[in-house]
Amino acid sequence: LAEEAGQLSAIAQMTLPAHVFAGGLQRIVQRRLDKAPAWGQALLRLAAVIGRQLDLQVLHYLIQSDAGCLSGHTLENWLNTCADAAILTVAGERWQFAHDKLREQLLQTNDQTELHRTVALALEAVYPGDETYVETLAEHWYATGEGARAMPYLLKTVQRMVNITAEYQRAERWVERGLLVADHAQQAQLLQLRGDLAERQSNFAQAVAAYQASLALTEPNSPLRVEILNGLSTICWRQVARQEAEEYARQALTLA
């Protein structure tokens, strides 16, 4: 409203619009984004894909690899120019978008597939082997539609959520997404993890169903069968079905 009125103190004298969040807000946001120079727009789109907070190391890599297309300008120049346009700001010594609506507008008005691929490759180059970024990389590669590139990161993400952070609902959402793009071997891994996930929450019937579905997709001598059989043994033990628990454990030990 202040941008429409010219200054904050003039809001009281203007006629309030009937629908602030329809076209009016979108026009204001786009007008703000248009204040960024043409040479800085490409990097701004990539920054929006990265997230609300800017990763300066990744942005620097993108500039060096020419994906950012700054036409000879520096990262510092770009940051200051976007800050002068009130698109970017500094919060707690971290650069970020001044408002998430600005970032949302950039994401809505651009084809994101290539942008996600560019950011994913940059993350792999800047943070090779860093487990902190496995979920982020799973998100970016999944967004490109390249399931084969997304699955290694996706599987690590689910494993971490099941076994370390206990983020069960998020893990289940990733399993659902992974099953849509996984091959048979990866589906078996995801179903085994779904079994672990259900067992952790004492959903024994669901866990058994997931383990059995995983077994059906697993090769006879696959090490994954050891994990599945151990899971079935644990469920039987927790339900005081000791004979069945011992049988599953014996099968797992023999295969191991």
C-alpha atoms as a PDB file:
ATOM      1  CA  LEU A   1       0.000   0.000   0.000  1.00  0.00           C
ATOM      2  CA  ALA A   2       2.847   2.369   0.808  1.00  0.00           C
ATOM      3  CA  GLU A   3       4.348   1.711  -2.600  1.00  0.00           C
ATOM      4  CA  GLU A   4       1.026   2.522  -4.283  1.00  0.00           C
ATOM      5  CA  ALA A   5       0.526   5.698  -2.194  1.00  0.00           C
ATOM      6  CA  GLY A   6       4.088   6.916  -2.625  1.00  0.00           C
ATOM      7  CA  GLN A   7       4.989   6.877   1.068  1.00  0.00           C
ATOM      8  CA  LEU A   8       3.862   5.210   4.274  1.00  0.00           C
ATOM      9  CA  SER A   9       2.200   8.318   5.738  1.00  0.00           C
ATOM     10  CA  ALA A  10      -0.026   8.701   2.658  1.00  0.00           C
ATOM     11  CA  ILE A  11      -1.858   5.395   3.165  1.00  0.00           C
ATOM     12  CA  ALA A  12      -4.519   7.031   5.342  1.00  0.00           C
ATOM     13  CA  GLN A  13      -5.502   9.393   2.516  1.00  0.00           C
ATOM     14  CA  MET A  14      -5.795   6.754  -0.220  1.00  0.00           C
ATOM     15  CA  THR A  15      -8.807   4.622  -1.063  1.00  0.00           C
ATOM     16  CA  LEU A  16      -8.129   1.059   0.041  1.00  0.00           C
ATOM     17  CA  PRO A  17      -8.506  -1.547  -2.719  1.00  0.00           C
ATOM     18  CA  ALA A  18     -11.197  -4.170  -2.382  1.00  0.00           C
ATOM     19  CA  HIS A  19      -8.778  -7.028  -3.085  1.00  0.00           C
ATOM     20  CA  VAL A  20      -5.246  -6.480  -1.876  1.00  0.00           C
ATOM     21  CA  PHE A  21      -3.904  -9.972  -2.597  1.00  0.00           C
ATOM     22  CA  ALA A  22      -5.220 -10.367  -6.127  1.00  0.00           C
ATOM     23  CA  GLY A  23      -3.725  -8.505  -9.068  1.00  0.00           C
ATOM     24  CA  GLY A  24      -2.766  -5.497  -6.983  1.00  0.00           C
ATOM     25  CA  LEU A  25      -0.142  -7.224  -4.893  1.00  0.00           C
ATOM     26  CA  GLN A  26       1.172  -9.152  -7.872  1.00  0.00           C
ATOM     27  CA  ARG A  27       1.683  -5.911  -9.795  1.00  0.00           C
ATOM     28  CA  ILE A  28       3.479  -4.324  -6.840  1.00  0.00           C
ATOM     29  CA  VAL A  29       5.769  -7.339  -6.447  1.00  0.00           C
ATOM     30  CA  GLN A  30       6.537  -7.454 -10.165  1.00  0.00           C
ATOM     31  CA  ARG A  31       7.237  -3.721 -10.247  1.00  0.00           C
ATOM     32  CA  ARG A  32       9.720  -4.198  -7.412  1.00  0.00           C
ATOM     33  CA  LEU A  33      11.425  -7.050  -9.274  1.00  0.00           C
ATOM     34  CA  ASP A  34      11.593  -4.971 -12.447  1.00  0.00           C
ATOM     35  CA  LYS A  35      13.861  -2.540 -10.591  1.00  0.00           C
ATOM     36  CA  ALA A  36      16.652  -5.104 -10.785  1.00  0.00           C
ATOM     37  CA  PRO A  37      18.902  -4.472 -13.808  1.00  0.00           C
ATOM     38  CA  ALA A  38      18.653  -6.765 -16.803  1.00  0.00           C
ATOM     39  CA  TRP A  39      22.162  -8.104 -16.191  1.00  0.00           C
ATOM     40  CA  GLY A  40      21.155  -9.272 -12.706  1.00  0.00           C
ATOM     41  CA  GLN A  41      17.860 -11.000 -13.525  1.00  0.00           C
ATOM     42  CA  ALA A  42      19.313 -14.441 -14.356  1.00  0.00           C
ATOM     43  CA  LEU A  43      21.134 -14.727 -11.043  1.00  0.00           C
ATOM     44  CA  LEU A  44      18.050 -13.459  -9.231  1.00  0.00           C
ATOM     45  CA  ARG A  45      16.014 -16.328 -10.686  1.00  0.00           C
ATOM     46  CA  LEU A  46      18.653 -18.848  -9.604  1.00  0.00           C
ATOM     47  CA  ALA A  47      18.774 -17.302  -6.127  1.00  0.00           C
ATOM     48  CA  ALA A  48      14.994 -17.737  -5.839  1.00  0.00           C
ATOM     49  CA  VAL A  49      15.328 -21.454  -6.608  1.00  0.00           C
ATOM     50  CA  ILE A  50      18.033 -21.820  -3.941  1.00  0.00           C
ATOM     51  CA  GLY A  51      15.733 -20.476  -1.216  1.00  0.00           C
ATOM     52  CA  ARG A  52      14.704 -17.452   0.853  1.00  0.00           C
ATOM     53  CA  GLN A  53      18.230 -17.143   2.253  1.00  0.00           C
ATOM     54  CA  LEU A  54      21.045 -16.717  -0.245  1.00  0.00           C
ATOM     55  CA  ASP A  55      23.954 -19.145  -0.381  1.00  0.00           C
ATOM     56  CA  LEU A  56      26.803 -16.836  -1.362  1.00  0.00           C
ATOM     57  CA  GLN A  57      29.219 -19.700  -2.034  1.00  0.00           C
ATOM     58  CA  VAL A  58      26.847 -21.267  -4.530  1.00  0.00           C
ATOM     59  CA  LEU A  59      26.086 -17.893  -6.130  1.00  0.00           C
ATOM     60  CA  HIS A  60      29.800 -17.183  -6.445  1.00  0.00           C
ATOM     61  CA  TYR A  61      30.274 -20.566  -8.148  1.00  0.00           C
ATOM     62  CA  LEU A  62      27.416 -19.809 -10.537  1.00  0.00           C
ATOM     63  CA  ILE A  63      29.026 -16.501 -11.482  1.00  0.00           C
ATOM     64  CA  GLN A  64      32.406 -18.148 -12.008  1.00  0.00           C
ATOM     65  CA  SER A  65      30.826 -20.844 -14.180  1.00  0.00           C
ATOM     66  CA  ASP A  66      28.969 -18.124 -16.114  1.00  0.00           C
ATOM     67  CA  ALA A  67      25.567 -19.613 -15.239  1.00  0.00           C
ATOM     68  CA  GLY A  68      24.756 -16.440 -13.336  1.00  0.00           C
ATOM     69  CA  CYS A  69      25.359 -14.248 -16.423  1.00  0.00           C
ATOM     70  CA  LEU A  70      26.403 -11.069 -14.583  1.00  0.00           C
ATOM     71  CA  SER A  71      28.090  -9.693 -17.688  1.00  0.00           C
ATOM     72  CA  GLY A  72      31.272  -8.691 -15.901  1.00  0.00           C
ATOM     73  CA  HIS A  73      29.629  -7.438 -12.699  1.00  0.00           C
ATOM     74  CA  THR A  74      30.690  -8.811  -9.307  1.00  0.00           C
ATOM     75  CA  LEU A  75      28.588 -10.613  -6.734  1.00  0.00           C
ATOM     76  CA  GLU A  76      28.992  -7.674  -4.360  1.00  0.00           C
ATOM     77  CA  ASN A  77      27.759  -5.299  -7.048  1.00  0.00           C
ATOM     78  CA  TRP A  78      24.729  -7.518  -7.684  1.00  0.00           C
ATOM     79  CA  LEU A  79      23.886  -7.791  -3.975  1.00  0.00           C
ATOM     80  CA  ASN A  80      24.080  -4.039  -3.431  1.00  0.00           C
ATOM     81  CA  THR A  81      22.074  -3.273  -6.554  1.00  0.00           C
ATOM     82  CA  CYS A  82      19.295  -5.672  -5.519  1.00  0.00           C
ATOM     83  CA  ALA A  83      19.378  -4.259  -1.989  1.00  0.00           C
ATOM     84  CA  ASP A  84      18.972  -0.718  -3.375  1.00  0.00           C
ATOM     85  CA  ALA A  85      15.901  -1.996  -5.232  1.00  0.00           C
ATOM     86  CA  ALA A  86      14.555  -3.448  -1.931  1.00  0.00           C
ATOM     87  CA  ILE A  87      14.582  -6.958  -3.394  1.00  0.00           C
ATOM     88  CA  LEU A  88      17.331  -8.294  -1.126  1.00  0.00           C
ATOM     89  CA  THR A  89      18.202  -7.424   2.445  1.00  0.00           C
ATOM     90  CA  VAL A  90      20.563  -8.506   5.218  1.00  0.00           C
ATOM     91  CA  ALA A  91      19.122 -10.219   8.297  1.00  0.00           C
ATOM     92  CA  GLY A  92      21.477 -11.418  11.020  1.00  0.00           C
ATOM     93  CA  GLU A  93      24.483 -11.152   8.705  1.00  0.00           C
ATOM     94  CA  ARG A  94      22.749 -13.333   6.126  1.00  0.00           C
ATOM     95  CA  TRP A  95      21.565 -12.084   2.759  1.00  0.00           C
ATOM     96  CA  GLN A  96      17.979 -13.004   1.897  1.00  0.00           C
ATOM     97  CA  PHE A  97      14.990 -11.906  -0.129  1.00  0.00           C
ATOM     98  CA  ALA A  98      13.342  -8.881   1.451  1.00  0.00           C
ATOM     99  CA  HIS A  99      10.004 -10.708   1.347  1.00  0.00           C
ATOM    100  CA  ASP A 100       9.097 -14.234   0.337  1.00  0.00           C
ATOM    101  CA  LYS A 101       6.422 -12.858  -2.029  1.00  0.00           C
ATOM    102  CA  LEU A 102       9.279 -11.563  -4.189  1.00  0.00           C
ATOM    103  CA  ARG A 103      10.808 -15.020  -4.338  1.00  0.00           C
ATOM    104  CA  GLU A 104       7.423 -16.652  -5.012  1.00  0.00           C
ATOM    105  CA  GLN A 105       6.824 -14.320  -7.937  1.00  0.00           C
ATOM    106  CA  LEU A 106      10.162 -15.265  -9.478  1.00  0.00           C
ATOM    107  CA  LEU A 107       9.345 -18.956  -9.110  1.00  0.00           C
ATOM    108  CA  GLN A 108       5.896 -18.567 -10.644  1.00  0.00           C
ATOM    109  CA  THR A 109       6.964 -16.612 -13.705  1.00  0.00           C
ATOM    110  CA  ASN A 110       9.879 -18.779 -14.852  1.00  0.00           C
ATOM    111  CA  ASP A 111      10.351 -22.340 -16.082  1.00  0.00           C
ATOM    112  CA  GLN A 112      12.131 -23.927 -13.132  1.00  0.00           C
ATOM    113  CA  THR A 113      13.408 -27.197 -14.629  1.00  0.00           C
ATOM    114  CA  GLU A 114      16.710 -25.871 -15.958  1.00  0.00           C
ATOM    115  CA  LEU A 115      17.108 -23.577 -12.954  1.00  0.00           C
ATOM    116  CA  HIS A 116      16.837 -26.537 -10.563  1.00  0.00           C
ATOM    117  CA  ARG A 117      19.354 -28.502 -12.628  1.00  0.00           C
ATOM    118  CA  THR A 118      21.808 -25.598 -12.600  1.00  0.00           C
ATOM    119  CA  VAL A 119      21.480 -25.160  -8.820  1.00  0.00           C
ATOM    120  CA  ALA A 120      21.800 -28.908  -8.190  1.00  0.00           C
ATOM    121  CA  LEU A 121      25.023 -29.118 -10.190  1.00  0.00           C
ATOM    122  CA  ALA A 122      26.375 -26.080  -8.342  1.00  0.00           C
ATOM    123  CA  LEU A 123      25.561 -27.613  -4.942  1.00  0.00           C
ATOM    124  CA  GLU A 124      27.291 -30.852  -5.929  1.00  0.00           C
ATOM    125  CA  ALA A 125      30.365 -28.882  -6.969  1.00  0.00           C
ATOM    126  CA  VAL A 126      30.482 -26.567  -3.936  1.00  0.00           C
ATOM    127  CA  TYR A 127      29.573 -29.143  -1.268  1.00  0.00           C
ATOM    128  CA  PRO A 128      30.758 -32.540  -2.593  1.00  0.00           C
ATOM    129  CA  GLY A 129      29.777 -35.379  -0.273  1.00  0.00           C
ATOM    130  CA  ASP A 130      28.264 -33.043   2.336  1.00  0.00           C
ATOM    131  CA  GLU A 131      25.380 -34.954   3.953  1.00  0.00           C
ATOM    132  CA  THR A 132      23.823 -31.661   5.055  1.00  0.00           C
ATOM    133  CA  TYR A 133      22.579 -31.084   1.518  1.00  0.00           C
ATOM    134  CA  VAL A 134      21.109 -34.496   0.638  1.00  0.00           C
ATOM    135  CA  GLU A 135      17.479 -33.405   1.041  1.00  0.00           C
ATOM    136  CA  THR A 136      18.101 -30.143  -0.795  1.00  0.00           C
ATOM    137  CA  LEU A 137      19.685 -32.036  -3.684  1.00  0.00           C
ATOM    138  CA  ALA A 138      16.834 -34.541  -3.673  1.00  0.00           C
ATOM    139  CA  GLU A 139      14.404 -31.605  -4.012  1.00  0.00           C
ATOM    140  CA  HIS A 140      16.292 -30.003  -6.883  1.00  0.00           C
ATOM    141  CA  TRP A 141      16.877 -33.181  -8.897  1.00  0.00           C
ATOM    142  CA  TYR A 142      13.300 -34.348  -8.290  1.00  0.00           C
ATOM    143  CA  ALA A 143      12.067 -31.003  -9.636  1.00  0.00           C
ATOM    144  CA  THR A 144      13.997 -31.603 -12.866  1.00  0.00           C
ATOM    145  CA  GLY A 145      12.153 -34.881 -13.435  1.00  0.00           C
ATOM    146  CA  GLU A 146      15.436 -36.811 -13.409  1.00  0.00           C
ATOM    147  CA  GLY A 147      14.541 -39.595 -11.015  1.00  0.00           C
ATOM    148  CA  ALA A 148      17.865 -41.393 -11.473  1.00  0.00           C
ATOM    149  CA  ARG A 149      19.742 -38.300 -10.242  1.00  0.00           C
ATOM    150  CA  ALA A 150      17.298 -37.673  -7.384  1.00  0.00           C
ATOM    151  CA  MET A 151      17.045 -41.205  -5.962  1.00  0.00           C
ATOM    152  CA  PRO A 152      20.463 -41.538  -4.237  1.00  0.00           C
ATOM    153  CA  TYR A 153      19.819 -38.315  -2.350  1.00  0.00           C
ATOM    154  CA  LEU A 154      16.187 -39.213  -1.721  1.00  0.00           C
ATOM    155  CA  LEU A 155      17.097 -42.581  -0.196  1.00  0.00           C
ATOM    156  CA  LYS A 156      19.691 -40.984   2.085  1.00  0.00           C
ATOM    157  CA  THR A 157      17.107 -38.403   3.116  1.00  0.00           C
ATOM    158  CA  VAL A 158      14.575 -41.050   4.122  1.00  0.00           C
ATOM    159  CA  GLN A 159      17.203 -43.112   5.932  1.00  0.00           C
ATOM    160  CA  ARG A 160      18.253 -40.089   7.939  1.00  0.00           C
ATOM    161  CA  MET A 161      14.685 -39.165   8.833  1.00  0.00           C
ATOM    162  CA  VAL A 162      13.813 -42.713   9.901  1.00  0.00           C
ATOM    163  CA  ASN A 163      16.967 -43.615  11.803  1.00  0.00           C
ATOM    164  CA  ILE A 164      18.321 -40.318  13.160  1.00  0.00           C
ATOM    165  CA  THR A 165      15.915 -37.385  13.191  1.00  0.00           C
ATOM    166  CA  ALA A 166      12.626 -39.316  13.634  1.00  0.00           C
ATOM    167  CA  GLU A 167      10.818 -37.073  11.122  1.00  0.00           C
ATOM    168  CA  TYR A 168       8.336 -39.783  10.266  1.00  0.00           C
ATOM    169  CA  GLN A 169       5.680 -37.792   8.422  1.00  0.00           C
ATOM    170  CA  ARG A 170       8.225 -36.084   6.188  1.00  0.00           C
ATOM    171  CA  ALA A 171       9.912 -39.433   5.573  1.00  0.00           C
ATOM    172  CA  GLU A 172       6.619 -40.951   4.432  1.00  0.00           C
ATOM    173  CA  ARG A 173       6.046 -38.076   2.002  1.00  0.00           C
ATOM    174  CA  TRP A 174       9.484 -38.668   0.507  1.00  0.00           C
ATOM    175  CA  VAL A 175       8.745 -42.402   0.200  1.00  0.00           C
ATOM    176  CA  GLU A 176       5.553 -41.601  -1.714  1.00  0.00           C
ATOM    177  CA  ARG A 177       7.416 -39.262  -4.047  1.00  0.00           C
ATOM    178  CA  GLY A 178      10.272 -41.718  -4.515  1.00  0.00           C
ATOM    179  CA  LEU A 179       8.027 -44.624  -5.460  1.00  0.00           C
ATOM    180  CA  LEU A 180       6.812 -42.614  -8.450  1.00  0.00           C
ATOM    181  CA  VAL A 181      10.270 -42.454 -10.053  1.00  0.00           C
ATOM    182  CA  ALA A 182      12.183 -45.420  -8.578  1.00  0.00           C
ATOM    183  CA  ASP A 183      13.230 -48.574 -10.425  1.00  0.00           C
ATOM    184  CA  HIS A 184      12.484 -52.005  -8.922  1.00  0.00           C
ATOM    185  CA  ALA A 185      15.597 -52.142  -6.763  1.00  0.00           C
ATOM    186  CA  GLN A 186      14.979 -48.632  -5.444  1.00  0.00           C
ATOM    187  CA  GLN A 187      11.306 -49.423  -4.824  1.00  0.00           C
ATOM    188  CA  ALA A 188      12.435 -52.366  -2.689  1.00  0.00           C
ATOM    189  CA  GLN A 189      14.670 -50.041  -0.655  1.00  0.00           C
ATOM    190  CA  LEU A 190      11.894 -47.502  -0.207  1.00  0.00           C
ATOM    191  CA  LEU A 191       9.405 -50.158   0.877  1.00  0.00           C
ATOM    192  CA  GLN A 192      11.942 -51.552   3.357  1.00  0.00           C
ATOM    193  CA  LEU A 193      12.347 -48.042   4.773  1.00  0.00           C
ATOM    194  CA  ARG A 194       8.560 -47.683   4.894  1.00  0.00           C
ATOM    195  CA  GLY A 195       8.527 -50.873   6.951  1.00  0.00           C
ATOM    196  CA  ASP A 196      11.125 -49.399   9.322  1.00  0.00           C
ATOM    197  CA  LEU A 197       9.093 -46.222   9.480  1.00  0.00           C
ATOM    198  CA  ALA A 198       5.898 -48.049  10.417  1.00  0.00           C
ATOM    199  CA  GLU A 199       7.718 -50.275  12.936  1.00  0.00           C
ATOM    200  CA  ARG A 200       9.145 -47.196  14.697  1.00  0.00           C
ATOM    201  CA  GLN A 201       5.570 -45.969  15.125  1.00  0.00           C
ATOM    202  CA  SER A 202       4.265 -49.397  16.238  1.00  0.00           C
ATOM    203  CA  ASN A 203       2.114 -49.712  13.102  1.00  0.00           C
ATOM    204  CA  PHE A 204       2.931 -53.404  12.883  1.00  0.00           C
ATOM    205  CA  ALA A 205       0.393 -54.467  10.233  1.00  0.00           C
ATOM    206  CA  GLN A 206       1.532 -51.671   7.923  1.00  0.00           C
ATOM    207  CA  ALA A 207       5.170 -52.526   8.593  1.00  0.00           C
ATOM    208  CA  VAL A 208       4.683 -56.209   7.745  1.00  0.00           C
ATOM    209  CA  ALA A 209       2.861 -55.300   4.527  1.00  0.00           C
ATOM    210  CA  ALA A 210       5.698 -52.969   3.504  1.00  0.00           C
ATOM    211  CA  TYR A 211       8.383 -55.538   4.330  1.00  0.00           C
ATOM    212  CA  GLN A 212       6.568 -58.276   2.406  1.00  0.00           C
ATOM    213  CA  ALA A 213       6.161 -55.986  -0.614  1.00  0.00           C
ATOM    214  CA  SER A 214       9.862 -55.190  -0.422  1.00  0.00           C
ATOM    215  CA  LEU A 215      10.759 -58.889  -0.263  1.00  0.00           C
ATOM    216  CA  ALA A 216       8.751 -59.507  -3.429  1.00  0.00           C
ATOM    217  CA  LEU A 217      10.974 -57.025  -5.296  1.00  0.00           C
ATOM    218  CA  THR A 218      14.292 -58.151  -3.810  1.00  0.00           C
ATOM    219  CA  GLU A 219      16.748 -60.604  -5.345  1.00  0.00           C
ATOM    220  CA  PRO A 220      17.245 -63.839  -3.322  1.00  0.00           C
ATOM    221  CA  ASN A 221      20.819 -63.028  -2.276  1.00  0.00           C
ATOM    222  CA  SER A 222      20.402 -59.278  -1.859  1.00  0.00           C
ATOM    223  CA  PRO A 223      21.835 -57.803   1.384  1.00  0.00           C
ATOM    224  CA  LEU A 224      18.600 -55.816   1.612  1.00  0.00           C
ATOM    225  CA  ARG A 225      16.771 -59.057   2.477  1.00  0.00           C
ATOM    226  CA  VAL A 226      18.804 -59.232   5.692  1.00  0.00           C
ATOM    227  CA  GLU A 227      17.431 -55.827   6.706  1.00  0.00           C
ATOM    228  CA  ILE A 228      13.878 -56.846   5.806  1.00  0.00           C
ATOM    229  CA  LEU A 229      14.076 -60.150   7.695  1.00  0.00           C
ATOM    230  CA  ASN A 230      15.527 -58.362  10.702  1.00  0.00           C
ATOM    231  CA  GLY A 231      12.611 -55.950  10.566  1.00  0.00           C
ATOM    232  CA  LEU A 232      10.086 -58.794  10.481  1.00  0.00           C
ATOM    233  CA  SER A 233      11.913 -60.479  13.367  1.00  0.00           C
ATOM    234  CA  THR A 234      11.753 -57.282  15.421  1.00  0.00           C
ATOM    235  CA  ILE A 235       8.016 -56.923  14.838  1.00  0.00           C
ATOM    236  CA  CYS A 236       7.343 -60.526  15.895  1.00  0.00           C
ATOM    237  CA  TRP A 237       9.525 -60.064  18.979  1.00  0.00           C
ATOM    238  CA  ARG A 238       7.673 -56.880  19.940  1.00  0.00           C
ATOM    239  CA  GLN A 239       4.369 -58.738  19.564  1.00  0.00           C
ATOM    240  CA  VAL A 240       5.688 -61.646  21.689  1.00  0.00           C
ATOM    241  CA  ALA A 241       5.563 -64.038  18.756  1.00  0.00           C
ATOM    242  CA  ARG A 242       8.873 -65.547  19.781  1.00  0.00           C
ATOM    243  CA  GLN A 243       8.957 -68.581  17.501  1.00  0.00           C
ATOM    244  CA  GLU A 244       8.303 -66.473  14.392  1.00  0.00           C
ATOM    245  CA  ALA A 245      10.825 -63.874  15.579  1.00  0.00           C
ATOM    246  CA  GLU A 246      13.498 -66.544  15.959  1.00  0.00           C
ATOM    247  CA  GLU A 247      12.735 -68.004  12.517  1.00  0.00           C
ATOM    248  CA  TYR A 248      13.073 -64.631  10.775  1.00  0.00           C
ATOM    249  CA  ALA A 249      16.268 -63.933  12.721  1.00  0.00           C
ATOM    250  CA  ARG A 250      17.679 -67.321  11.701  1.00  0.00           C
ATOM    251  CA  GLN A 251      16.921 -66.637   8.030  1.00  0.00           C
ATOM    252  CA  ALA A 252      18.585 -63.230   8.280  1.00  0.00           C
ATOM    253  CA  LEU A 253      21.665 -64.691   9.975  1.00  0.00           C
ATOM    254  CA  THR A 254      21.981 -67.457   7.373  1.00  0.00           C
ATOM    255  CA  LEU A 255      21.730 -64.995   4.513  1.00  0.00           C
ATOM    256  CA  ALA A 256      24.177 -62.581   6.177  1.00  0.00           C
END
